[in-house]
């Protein structure tokens, strides 16, 4: 990236990376774009496109494995919703936790075991680029969206993920949920 005005460096970096500041993954300070594909990367992607259906099928198989292995952890943990009239490409596998506290405990516990997880820090309406209020980007916040974002956790997920890694991941998730840490208290009704 070239520029003549050093104070413009940050803004130019943000504009070229979807509005994100350096080191930020999910917070967008300004409206930006990403238009950085060169001919070499385009050629690689063109070759990879021939494998897209195969990779998506692998993702669906692995998602079904996760769904089956984690289904009994509800209501503490719910797997992604499957709409019957849709076919997911599963670009990510996102769990829904019963509370933000459980999400945070699961996130920290899995990271401590060497498993990288992630979650959005805020809803779209709270992104700095949106809250600046420039029309037509003004978005109304929603309590339902805020609750959903605060309870979601992405697990590592890619087509070539080895089976032993998938098994370890599910085992660790089960251990954390079954420990009861971060769970809502369940009271017996008499």
Protein backbone atom coordinates (compact mmCIF):
# COMPACT_ATOMS: atom_id res chain seq x y z
CA UNK A 1 0.00 0.00 0.00
CA UNK A 2 1.40 3.39 -0.91
CA UNK A 3 0.37 6.76 0.45
CA UNK A 4 1.79 10.26 0.74
CA UNK A 5 0.10 11.40 3.92
CA UNK A 6 1.30 9.30 6.93
CA UNK A 7 -1.79 10.14 9.04
CA UNK A 8 -3.88 8.42 6.33
CA UNK A 9 -2.10 5.08 6.84
CA UNK A 10 -4.62 3.68 9.34
CA UNK A 11 -7.65 4.77 7.32
CA UNK A 12 -6.21 3.28 4.12
CA UNK A 13 -5.43 0.01 5.91
CA UNK A 14 -8.98 -0.07 7.28
CA UNK A 15 -10.56 0.69 3.91
CA UNK A 16 -8.57 -2.12 2.28
CA UNK A 17 -9.52 -4.68 4.96
CA UNK A 18 -13.31 -4.47 5.27
CA UNK A 19 -13.05 -1.47 7.59
CA UNK A 20 -11.18 -3.39 10.29
CA UNK A 21 -8.31 -1.88 12.24
CA UNK A 22 -5.03 -3.85 12.25
CA UNK A 23 -5.31 -6.74 14.70
CA UNK A 24 -9.13 -6.71 14.73
CA UNK A 25 -11.05 -9.65 13.32
CA UNK A 26 -14.70 -8.81 13.88
CA UNK A 27 -14.91 -5.09 14.67
CA UNK A 28 -15.34 -2.78 11.69
CA UNK A 29 -14.47 0.85 12.48
CA UNK A 30 -15.32 2.22 9.03
CA UNK A 31 -17.02 1.01 5.88
CA UNK A 32 -14.36 -0.79 3.90
CA UNK A 33 -13.95 -3.29 1.11
CA UNK A 34 -11.81 -6.18 0.09
CA UNK A 35 -10.71 -6.21 -3.52
CA UNK A 36 -7.30 -7.80 -3.32
CA UNK A 37 -7.48 -10.82 -5.60
CA UNK A 38 -4.61 -11.01 -8.04
CA UNK A 39 -4.31 -13.28 -11.06
CA UNK A 40 -2.36 -15.97 -9.20
CA UNK A 41 -4.97 -16.32 -6.45
CA UNK A 42 -7.75 -16.26 -9.04
CA UNK A 43 -6.08 -19.16 -10.86
CA UNK A 44 -5.80 -21.16 -7.63
CA UNK A 45 -9.42 -20.51 -6.73
CA UNK A 46 -10.50 -21.51 -10.23
CA UNK A 47 -8.78 -24.88 -9.73
CA UNK A 48 -10.27 -25.26 -6.25
CA UNK A 49 -13.80 -24.62 -7.49
CA UNK A 50 -13.79 -28.09 -9.08
CA UNK A 51 -13.65 -29.50 -5.52
CA UNK A 52 -16.36 -27.26 -4.04
CA UNK A 53 -19.20 -29.81 -4.08
CA UNK A 54 -16.92 -32.49 -2.61
CA UNK A 55 -15.75 -30.15 0.16
CA UNK A 56 -19.30 -29.03 0.93
CA UNK A 57 -20.40 -32.69 1.13
CA UNK A 58 -17.56 -33.37 3.61
CA UNK A 59 -18.63 -30.38 5.68
CA UNK A 60 -22.23 -31.66 5.76
CA UNK A 61 -21.03 -35.13 6.83
CA UNK A 62 -18.89 -33.67 9.60
CA UNK A 63 -21.73 -31.40 10.74
CA UNK A 64 -24.01 -34.45 10.93
CA UNK A 65 -21.36 -36.21 13.07
CA UNK A 66 -21.25 -33.23 15.44
CA UNK A 67 -25.06 -32.99 15.51
CA UNK A 68 -25.43 -36.66 16.45
CA UNK A 69 -22.63 -36.63 19.03
CA UNK A 70 -23.78 -33.43 20.77
CA UNK A 71 -27.58 -33.70 20.49
CA UNK A 72 -28.05 -35.06 24.02
CA UNK A 73 -26.39 -31.97 25.54
CA UNK A 74 -29.52 -29.88 24.93
CA UNK A 75 -30.76 -27.60 26.36
CA UNK A 76 -27.32 -26.48 27.57
CA UNK A 77 -26.01 -26.68 24.04
CA UNK A 78 -27.88 -26.74 20.75
CA UNK A 79 -26.46 -27.62 17.37
CA UNK A 80 -27.21 -25.56 14.23
CA UNK A 81 -30.80 -25.51 13.02
CA UNK A 82 -31.41 -27.53 9.87
CA UNK A 83 -34.12 -26.14 7.59
CA UNK A 84 -35.63 -28.94 5.53
CA UNK A 85 -35.90 -26.87 2.36
CA UNK A 86 -32.26 -25.70 2.53
CA UNK A 87 -28.84 -27.33 2.13
CA UNK A 88 -26.08 -25.76 4.21
CA UNK A 89 -22.51 -25.34 3.00
CA UNK A 90 -21.39 -25.07 6.65
CA UNK A 91 -18.71 -22.47 6.21
CA UNK A 92 -18.70 -22.58 10.02
CA UNK A 93 -20.20 -24.80 12.70
CA UNK A 94 -21.87 -22.66 15.33
CA UNK A 95 -23.18 -23.92 18.68
CA UNK A 96 -25.88 -22.13 20.62
CA UNK A 97 -25.20 -22.12 24.36
CA UNK A 98 -27.94 -21.66 26.97
CA UNK A 99 -26.24 -18.50 28.28
CA UNK A 100 -23.38 -16.11 27.64
CA UNK A 101 -21.71 -17.44 30.79
CA UNK A 102 -21.70 -20.97 29.43
CA UNK A 103 -20.43 -19.72 26.06
CA UNK A 104 -17.55 -17.93 27.77
CA UNK A 105 -16.68 -20.95 29.94
CA UNK A 106 -16.78 -23.27 26.92
CA UNK A 107 -14.70 -20.82 24.86
CA UNK A 108 -12.00 -20.50 27.58
CA UNK A 109 -11.99 -24.22 28.41
CA UNK A 110 -11.58 -25.29 24.80
CA UNK A 111 -8.81 -22.74 24.21
CA UNK A 112 -7.01 -24.05 27.31
CA UNK A 113 -7.11 -27.49 25.65
CA UNK A 114 -5.60 -26.16 22.43
CA UNK A 115 -8.88 -25.75 20.52
CA UNK A 116 -9.37 -22.37 18.85
CA UNK A 117 -12.97 -21.17 18.98
CA UNK A 118 -14.47 -17.79 18.12
CA UNK A 119 -17.61 -15.68 18.43
CA UNK A 120 -18.79 -12.31 17.22
CA UNK A 121 -18.12 -9.53 19.73
CA UNK A 122 -21.34 -7.67 18.89
CA UNK A 123 -24.32 -7.50 16.56
CA UNK A 124 -24.16 -5.63 13.26
CA UNK A 125 -26.05 -2.63 14.67
CA UNK A 126 -23.28 -2.13 17.28
CA UNK A 127 -20.37 -2.09 14.82
CA UNK A 128 -18.62 1.32 14.88
CA UNK A 129 -19.05 1.67 11.12
CA UNK A 130 -22.82 1.31 11.58
CA UNK A 131 -23.25 3.35 14.76
CA UNK A 132 -21.65 6.35 13.07
CA UNK A 133 -25.11 6.67 11.52
CA UNK A 134 -24.24 7.43 7.92
CA UNK A 135 -27.26 6.68 5.78
CA UNK A 136 -28.16 4.19 4.31
CA UNK A 137 -26.28 2.16 6.91
CA UNK A 138 -28.35 3.02 9.96
CA UNK A 139 -29.55 -0.24 11.55
CA UNK A 140 -31.87 -0.70 14.50
CA UNK A 141 -30.56 -2.90 17.28
CA UNK A 142 -32.53 -5.96 18.31
CA UNK A 143 -32.56 -7.57 21.75
CA UNK A 144 -33.11 -10.98 20.11
CA UNK A 145 -30.04 -10.50 17.89
CA UNK A 146 -27.94 -9.37 20.86
CA UNK A 147 -29.01 -12.44 22.87
CA UNK A 148 -28.29 -14.80 19.95
CA UNK A 149 -24.82 -13.35 19.33
CA UNK A 150 -23.94 -13.49 23.03
CA UNK A 151 -24.73 -17.22 23.17
CA UNK A 152 -23.07 -18.46 19.95
CA UNK A 153 -19.69 -20.16 19.68
CA UNK A 154 -17.95 -21.32 16.50
CA UNK A 155 -16.03 -24.55 16.61
CA UNK A 156 -13.05 -25.21 14.36
CA UNK A 157 -14.43 -26.72 11.18
CA UNK A 158 -12.94 -27.48 7.76
CA UNK A 159 -13.33 -30.30 5.21
CA UNK A 160 -9.91 -31.87 5.81
CA UNK A 161 -10.17 -31.86 9.62
CA UNK A 162 -8.84 -35.26 10.76
CA UNK A 163 -11.28 -37.60 12.45
CA UNK A 164 -9.17 -37.80 15.62
CA UNK A 165 -9.33 -34.00 15.92
CA UNK A 166 -13.12 -34.04 15.49
CA UNK A 167 -13.45 -36.76 18.14
CA UNK A 168 -11.19 -34.83 20.54
CA UNK A 169 -13.18 -31.65 19.95
CA UNK A 170 -16.51 -33.32 20.72
CA UNK A 171 -15.04 -35.09 23.77
CA UNK A 172 -13.78 -31.77 25.17
CA UNK A 173 -17.14 -30.06 24.55
CA UNK A 174 -18.93 -32.92 26.36
CA UNK A 175 -16.53 -32.74 29.32
CA UNK A 176 -17.07 -29.00 29.77
CA UNK A 177 -20.87 -29.22 29.48
CA UNK A 178 -21.09 -32.27 31.75
CA UNK A 179 -18.94 -30.54 34.40
CA UNK A 180 -21.82 -28.11 34.97
CA UNK A 181 -19.52 -25.06 35.11
CA UNK A 182 -21.27 -22.03 33.64
CA UNK A 183 -24.59 -23.88 33.45
CA UNK A 184 -27.90 -22.49 34.58
CA UNK A 185 -29.16 -23.98 37.81
CA UNK A 186 -31.93 -26.54 37.32
CA UNK A 187 -34.36 -26.84 40.18
CA UNK A 188 -36.54 -29.88 40.70
CA UNK A 189 -40.27 -29.25 40.78
CA UNK A 190 -42.05 -31.01 43.65
